Amino acid sequence: MLDGRDDRVEIPYDESIDLGEDDFTWSTWFRYSATSGSHALMWAYRLGSGSTPQVWLRAEPGDDRIRALLGTGFGARTLTAPGAYNDGRWHHIVLLRKGGTFSMRIDGEEVATGTAPRGSVTEGKEFGVDGLSVGQRIDGVNRFAGSMDEVRVYRRALSEKELDLLERSNAAIRDGLALRLAFERIE
């Protein structure tokens, strides 16, 4: 488990974690009690504004929210969860790109949704796309000041039943699994 002090995981770019323009699911358990700052839970592929191909998820307790962004060469969609979930308890969060929709779920409830821009989140990978960073932005800033566990990336959208199993029992769903960081072993 990331302990919120000096931990992070950096996964270099590899085709196995390239989500491209396909559906995907990101999930993790997190807890923290910070009241200010920007705390990156996960960040992938690039940094930039507007339609830079990238995906990220961060807590912004000073603004009482959690935000996520999905960017492609054709646009970007930002999702905002009301509330920062900085109560020191464990929460399960999921980002889901399914068809033309981008959504965020926290503790089994959809808290934000919007239209996903078409196109790849890694477009132009031949020009130096970064990999995936857990617990900080890919440039090393915005360290997450909390704990994280069971980070998963799927190269498909999990079904409602699978999402429920993942949250309630940490089910071993293998179909489409691109990355699992159990923080006891890496698969």
C-alpha atoms as a PDB file:
ATOM      1  CA  MET A   1       0.000   0.000   0.000  1.00  0.00           C
ATOM      2  CA  LEU A   2       1.214   3.507  -0.710  1.00  0.00           C
ATOM      3  CA  ASP A   3       1.578   5.125   2.700  1.00  0.00           C
ATOM      4  CA  GLY A   4       1.293   8.813   1.770  1.00  0.00           C
ATOM      5  CA  ARG A   5       4.812   9.814   2.735  1.00  0.00           C
ATOM      6  CA  ASP A   6       7.312   9.138  -0.001  1.00  0.00           C
ATOM      7  CA  ASP A   7       5.772   6.373  -2.104  1.00  0.00           C
ATOM      8  CA  ARG A   8       4.852   6.354  -5.753  1.00  0.00           C
ATOM      9  CA  VAL A   9       4.937   3.957  -8.674  1.00  0.00           C
ATOM     10  CA  GLU A  10       6.135   4.867 -12.151  1.00  0.00           C
ATOM     11  CA  ILE A  11       5.321   2.457 -14.962  1.00  0.00           C
ATOM     12  CA  PRO A  12       7.144   3.205 -18.219  1.00  0.00           C
ATOM     13  CA  TYR A  13       5.111   3.318 -21.413  1.00  0.00           C
ATOM     14  CA  ASP A  14       4.429  -0.085 -22.909  1.00  0.00           C
ATOM     15  CA  GLU A  15       1.818  -1.265 -25.408  1.00  0.00           C
ATOM     16  CA  SER A  16       0.238  -3.370 -22.648  1.00  0.00           C
ATOM     17  CA  ILE A  17      -0.949  -0.189 -20.865  1.00  0.00           C
ATOM     18  CA  ASP A  18      -1.755   1.779 -24.039  1.00  0.00           C
ATOM     19  CA  LEU A  19      -5.500   2.376 -23.838  1.00  0.00           C
ATOM     20  CA  GLY A  20      -5.634   4.111 -27.222  1.00  0.00           C
ATOM     21  CA  GLU A  21      -9.159   5.013 -28.296  1.00  0.00           C
ATOM     22  CA  ASP A  22     -10.754   1.971 -26.676  1.00  0.00           C
ATOM     23  CA  ASP A  23     -12.949   1.578 -23.615  1.00  0.00           C
ATOM     24  CA  PHE A  24     -11.120   1.256 -20.302  1.00  0.00           C
ATOM     25  CA  THR A  25     -11.552   1.012 -16.537  1.00  0.00           C
ATOM     26  CA  TRP A  26      -9.252   2.471 -13.869  1.00  0.00           C
ATOM     27  CA  SER A  27      -9.852   1.687 -10.222  1.00  0.00           C
ATOM     28  CA  THR A  28      -8.166   2.070  -6.854  1.00  0.00           C
ATOM     29  CA  TRP A  29      -8.840   2.301  -3.140  1.00  0.00           C
ATOM     30  CA  PHE A  30      -7.684   5.520  -1.469  1.00  0.00           C
ATOM     31  CA  ARG A  31      -7.821   7.354   1.842  1.00  0.00           C
ATOM     32  CA  TYR A  32      -6.442  10.693   2.928  1.00  0.00           C
ATOM     33  CA  SER A  33      -7.255  13.634   5.171  1.00  0.00           C
ATOM     34  CA  ALA A  34      -5.443  16.553   3.523  1.00  0.00           C
ATOM     35  CA  THR A  35      -7.328  19.847   3.486  1.00  0.00           C
ATOM     36  CA  SER A  36      -5.339  21.675   0.813  1.00  0.00           C
ATOM     37  CA  GLY A  37      -3.214  21.056  -2.252  1.00  0.00           C
ATOM     38  CA  SER A  38      -3.565  18.976  -5.385  1.00  0.00           C
ATOM     39  CA  HIS A  39      -2.991  15.248  -4.926  1.00  0.00           C
ATOM     40  CA  ALA A  40      -2.563  13.055  -7.997  1.00  0.00           C
ATOM     41  CA  LEU A  41      -3.872   9.530  -7.571  1.00  0.00           C
ATOM     42  CA  MET A  42      -3.063   8.384 -11.119  1.00  0.00           C
ATOM     43  CA  TRP A  43      -1.750  10.152 -14.214  1.00  0.00           C
ATOM     44  CA  ALA A  44      -1.042   8.638 -17.623  1.00  0.00           C
ATOM     45  CA  TYR A  45       0.691   9.400 -20.906  1.00  0.00           C
ATOM     46  CA  ARG A  46       1.244  13.172 -21.012  1.00  0.00           C
ATOM     47  CA  LEU A  47       0.910  16.553 -19.324  1.00  0.00           C
ATOM     48  CA  GLY A  48      -0.819  19.441 -21.010  1.00  0.00           C
ATOM     49  CA  SER A  49      -3.960  21.414 -21.340  1.00  0.00           C
ATOM     50  CA  GLY A  50      -6.956  21.211 -23.608  1.00  0.00           C
ATOM     51  CA  SER A  51      -6.899  18.301 -25.975  1.00  0.00           C
ATOM     52  CA  THR A  52      -3.497  16.841 -25.053  1.00  0.00           C
ATOM     53  CA  PRO A  53      -3.865  13.033 -25.067  1.00  0.00           C
ATOM     54  CA  GLN A  54      -3.820  12.025 -21.383  1.00  0.00           C
ATOM     55  CA  VAL A  55      -5.881  10.630 -18.511  1.00  0.00           C
ATOM     56  CA  TRP A  56      -5.591  11.725 -14.906  1.00  0.00           C
ATOM     57  CA  LEU A  57      -7.320  11.528 -11.540  1.00  0.00           C
ATOM     58  CA  ARG A  58      -6.588  13.862  -8.636  1.00  0.00           C
ATOM     59  CA  ALA A  59      -7.988  15.007  -5.307  1.00  0.00           C
ATOM     60  CA  GLU A  60      -8.342  18.734  -4.691  1.00  0.00           C
ATOM     61  CA  PRO A  61      -9.464  19.017  -1.054  1.00  0.00           C
ATOM     62  CA  GLY A  62      -9.115  22.811  -0.877  1.00  0.00           C
ATOM     63  CA  ASP A  63     -11.820  23.019  -3.544  1.00  0.00           C
ATOM     64  CA  ASP A  64     -13.790  20.140  -1.973  1.00  0.00           C
ATOM     65  CA  ARG A  65     -13.645  17.926  -5.055  1.00  0.00           C
ATOM     66  CA  ILE A  66     -12.038  15.085  -6.942  1.00  0.00           C
ATOM     67  CA  ARG A  67     -11.407  15.654 -10.635  1.00  0.00           C
ATOM     68  CA  ALA A  68     -10.567  13.485 -13.606  1.00  0.00           C
ATOM     69  CA  LEU A  69      -9.647  14.363 -17.177  1.00  0.00           C
ATOM     70  CA  LEU A  70      -9.706  12.365 -20.393  1.00  0.00           C
ATOM     71  CA  GLY A  71      -7.955  14.142 -23.256  1.00  0.00           C
ATOM     72  CA  THR A  72      -7.550  13.154 -26.894  1.00  0.00           C
ATOM     73  CA  GLY A  73      -6.462  15.012 -30.002  1.00  0.00           C
ATOM     74  CA  PHE A  74     -10.157  15.790 -30.560  1.00  0.00           C
ATOM     75  CA  GLY A  75     -10.998  17.372 -27.211  1.00  0.00           C
ATOM     76  CA  ALA A  76     -11.122  16.800 -23.490  1.00  0.00           C
ATOM     77  CA  ARG A  77     -13.689  15.979 -20.822  1.00  0.00           C
ATOM     78  CA  THR A  78     -13.227  16.896 -17.177  1.00  0.00           C
ATOM     79  CA  LEU A  79     -15.326  15.224 -14.499  1.00  0.00           C
ATOM     80  CA  THR A  80     -15.795  16.683 -11.031  1.00  0.00           C
ATOM     81  CA  ALA A  81     -17.026  14.723  -8.028  1.00  0.00           C
ATOM     82  CA  PRO A  82     -18.756  16.834  -5.412  1.00  0.00           C
ATOM     83  CA  GLY A  83     -16.811  16.394  -2.210  1.00  0.00           C
ATOM     84  CA  ALA A  84     -13.154  15.639  -1.594  1.00  0.00           C
ATOM     85  CA  TYR A  85     -13.653  12.328   0.279  1.00  0.00           C
ATOM     86  CA  ASN A  86     -10.837  13.424   2.606  1.00  0.00           C
ATOM     87  CA  ASP A  87     -12.380  11.925   5.747  1.00  0.00           C
ATOM     88  CA  GLY A  88      -9.536   9.465   6.430  1.00  0.00           C
ATOM     89  CA  ARG A  89     -11.689   6.455   5.472  1.00  0.00           C
ATOM     90  CA  TRP A  90     -11.142   4.064   2.563  1.00  0.00           C
ATOM     91  CA  HIS A  91     -13.042   4.874  -0.638  1.00  0.00           C
ATOM     92  CA  HIS A  92     -13.165   2.981  -3.939  1.00  0.00           C
ATOM     93  CA  ILE A  93     -12.941   5.082  -7.094  1.00  0.00           C
ATOM     94  CA  VAL A  94     -13.451   4.050 -10.713  1.00  0.00           C
ATOM     95  CA  LEU A  95     -12.926   5.902 -13.995  1.00  0.00           C
ATOM     96  CA  LEU A  96     -14.745   4.309 -16.909  1.00  0.00           C
ATOM     97  CA  ARG A  97     -14.679   5.055 -20.617  1.00  0.00           C
ATOM     98  CA  LYS A  98     -17.519   3.137 -22.209  1.00  0.00           C
ATOM     99  CA  GLY A  99     -18.687   3.897 -25.719  1.00  0.00           C
ATOM    100  CA  GLY A 100     -19.117   7.632 -25.903  1.00  0.00           C
ATOM    101  CA  THR A 101     -19.269   8.157 -22.137  1.00  0.00           C
ATOM    102  CA  PHE A 102     -16.655   8.999 -19.513  1.00  0.00           C
ATOM    103  CA  SER A 103     -17.761   8.474 -15.908  1.00  0.00           C
ATOM    104  CA  MET A 104     -16.497   8.483 -12.328  1.00  0.00           C
ATOM    105  CA  ARG A 105     -17.846   6.236  -9.569  1.00  0.00           C
ATOM    106  CA  ILE A 106     -17.002   6.504  -5.898  1.00  0.00           C
ATOM    107  CA  ASP A 107     -18.056   3.827  -3.437  1.00  0.00           C
ATOM    108  CA  GLY A 108     -20.298   2.197  -6.048  1.00  0.00           C
ATOM    109  CA  GLU A 109     -22.191   5.354  -6.969  1.00  0.00           C
ATOM    110  CA  GLU A 110     -21.814   7.301 -10.196  1.00  0.00           C
ATOM    111  CA  VAL A 111     -20.814  10.824  -9.117  1.00  0.00           C
ATOM    112  CA  ALA A 112     -19.968  12.408 -12.494  1.00  0.00           C
ATOM    113  CA  THR A 113     -20.464  11.579 -16.157  1.00  0.00           C
ATOM    114  CA  GLY A 114     -20.053  13.246 -19.517  1.00  0.00           C
ATOM    115  CA  THR A 115     -19.469  12.667 -23.189  1.00  0.00           C
ATOM    116  CA  ALA A 116     -16.038  11.195 -23.883  1.00  0.00           C
ATOM    117  CA  PRO A 117     -14.126  12.838 -26.724  1.00  0.00           C
ATOM    118  CA  ARG A 118     -13.426  10.479 -29.596  1.00  0.00           C
ATOM    119  CA  GLY A 119      -9.858   9.483 -30.282  1.00  0.00           C
ATOM    120  CA  SER A 120      -6.828   8.067 -28.566  1.00  0.00           C
ATOM    121  CA  VAL A 121      -5.547   9.026 -25.113  1.00  0.00           C
ATOM    122  CA  THR A 122      -2.050   8.126 -26.367  1.00  0.00           C
ATOM    123  CA  GLU A 123      -2.137   9.595 -29.865  1.00  0.00           C
ATOM    124  CA  GLY A 124       1.369  10.349 -31.106  1.00  0.00           C
ATOM    125  CA  LYS A 125       2.987   7.775 -28.850  1.00  0.00           C
ATOM    126  CA  GLU A 126       5.984   7.698 -31.150  1.00  0.00           C
ATOM    127  CA  PHE A 127       6.793  11.217 -29.924  1.00  0.00           C
ATOM    128  CA  GLY A 128       7.638  10.395 -26.333  1.00  0.00           C
ATOM    129  CA  VAL A 129       4.542   9.371 -24.463  1.00  0.00           C
ATOM    130  CA  ASP A 130       5.125   8.739 -20.775  1.00  0.00           C
ATOM    131  CA  GLY A 131       3.687   5.746 -19.002  1.00  0.00           C
ATOM    132  CA  LEU A 132       1.486   5.643 -15.940  1.00  0.00           C
ATOM    133  CA  SER A 133       2.256   7.249 -12.612  1.00  0.00           C
ATOM    134  CA  VAL A 134       0.500   6.252  -9.380  1.00  0.00           C
ATOM    135  CA  GLY A 135       0.662   8.606  -6.395  1.00  0.00           C
ATOM    136  CA  GLN A 136       1.954  11.625  -8.309  1.00  0.00           C
ATOM    137  CA  ARG A 137       1.813  13.361 -11.694  1.00  0.00           C
ATOM    138  CA  ILE A 138       4.098  11.955 -14.376  1.00  0.00           C
ATOM    139  CA  ASP A 139       6.471  14.904 -13.865  1.00  0.00           C
ATOM    140  CA  GLY A 140       6.898  14.047 -10.176  1.00  0.00           C
ATOM    141  CA  VAL A 141       4.767  16.782  -8.586  1.00  0.00           C
ATOM    142  CA  ASN A 142       1.403  16.735  -6.788  1.00  0.00           C
ATOM    143  CA  ARG A 143       2.315  13.762  -4.610  1.00  0.00           C
ATOM    144  CA  PHE A 144      -0.705  12.032  -3.128  1.00  0.00           C
ATOM    145  CA  ALA A 145      -0.677  12.640   0.650  1.00  0.00           C
ATOM    146  CA  GLY A 146      -2.616   9.557   1.599  1.00  0.00           C
ATOM    147  CA  SER A 147      -2.785   5.800   1.157  1.00  0.00           C
ATOM    148  CA  MET A 148      -3.693   3.840  -1.963  1.00  0.00           C
ATOM    149  CA  ASP A 149      -4.208   0.150  -2.589  1.00  0.00           C
ATOM    150  CA  GLU A 150      -5.342  -2.231  -5.340  1.00  0.00           C
ATOM    151  CA  VAL A 151      -4.682  -0.076  -8.405  1.00  0.00           C
ATOM    152  CA  ARG A 152      -6.108  -1.685 -11.534  1.00  0.00           C
ATOM    153  CA  VAL A 153      -6.219  -0.758 -15.210  1.00  0.00           C
ATOM    154  CA  TYR A 154      -8.438  -2.707 -17.598  1.00  0.00           C
ATOM    155  CA  ARG A 155      -8.352  -2.443 -21.380  1.00  0.00           C
ATOM    156  CA  ARG A 156     -12.134  -2.612 -21.473  1.00  0.00           C
ATOM    157  CA  ALA A 157     -15.142  -1.215 -19.644  1.00  0.00           C
ATOM    158  CA  LEU A 158     -16.155  -3.486 -16.797  1.00  0.00           C
ATOM    159  CA  SER A 159     -19.853  -4.301 -16.496  1.00  0.00           C
ATOM    160  CA  GLU A 160     -22.017  -3.080 -13.607  1.00  0.00           C
ATOM    161  CA  LYS A 161     -21.855  -6.558 -12.060  1.00  0.00           C
ATOM    162  CA  GLU A 162     -18.046  -6.648 -12.336  1.00  0.00           C
ATOM    163  CA  LEU A 163     -17.716  -3.156 -10.860  1.00  0.00           C
ATOM    164  CA  ASP A 164     -19.877  -4.208  -7.937  1.00  0.00           C
ATOM    165  CA  LEU A 165     -17.764  -7.352  -7.392  1.00  0.00           C
ATOM    166  CA  LEU A 166     -14.573  -5.318  -7.578  1.00  0.00           C
ATOM    167  CA  GLU A 167     -15.758  -2.853  -4.959  1.00  0.00           C
ATOM    168  CA  ARG A 168     -17.470  -5.282  -2.596  1.00  0.00           C
ATOM    169  CA  SER A 169     -15.042  -8.212  -2.631  1.00  0.00           C
ATOM    170  CA  ASN A 170     -11.904  -7.151  -4.537  1.00  0.00           C
ATOM    171  CA  ALA A 171     -12.822  -9.847  -7.081  1.00  0.00           C
ATOM    172  CA  ALA A 172     -10.070 -11.309  -9.233  1.00  0.00           C
ATOM    173  CA  ILE A 173     -11.386 -10.113 -12.601  1.00  0.00           C
ATOM    174  CA  ARG A 174      -8.732 -11.014 -15.143  1.00  0.00           C
ATOM    175  CA  ASP A 175     -10.434 -10.411 -18.518  1.00  0.00           C
ATOM    176  CA  GLY A 176      -8.850  -7.285 -20.001  1.00  0.00           C
ATOM    177  CA  LEU A 177      -6.577  -6.646 -17.011  1.00  0.00           C
ATOM    178  CA  ALA A 178      -3.568  -4.597 -18.154  1.00  0.00           C
ATOM    179  CA  LEU A 179      -2.170  -3.683 -14.744  1.00  0.00           C
ATOM    180  CA  ARG A 180      -2.750  -4.648 -11.127  1.00  0.00           C
ATOM    181  CA  LEU A 181      -0.769  -3.157  -8.281  1.00  0.00           C
ATOM    182  CA  ALA A 182      -1.831  -5.006  -5.161  1.00  0.00           C
ATOM    183  CA  PHE A 183       1.158  -3.567  -3.274  1.00  0.00           C
ATOM    184  CA  GLU A 184       1.908  -7.054  -2.061  1.00  0.00           C
ATOM    185  CA  ARG A 185       2.972  -8.243  -5.493  1.00  0.00           C
ATOM    186  CA  ILE A 186       2.780  -6.880  -9.046  1.00  0.00           C
ATOM    187  CA  GLU A 187       0.929  -8.812 -11.732  1.00  0.00           C
END
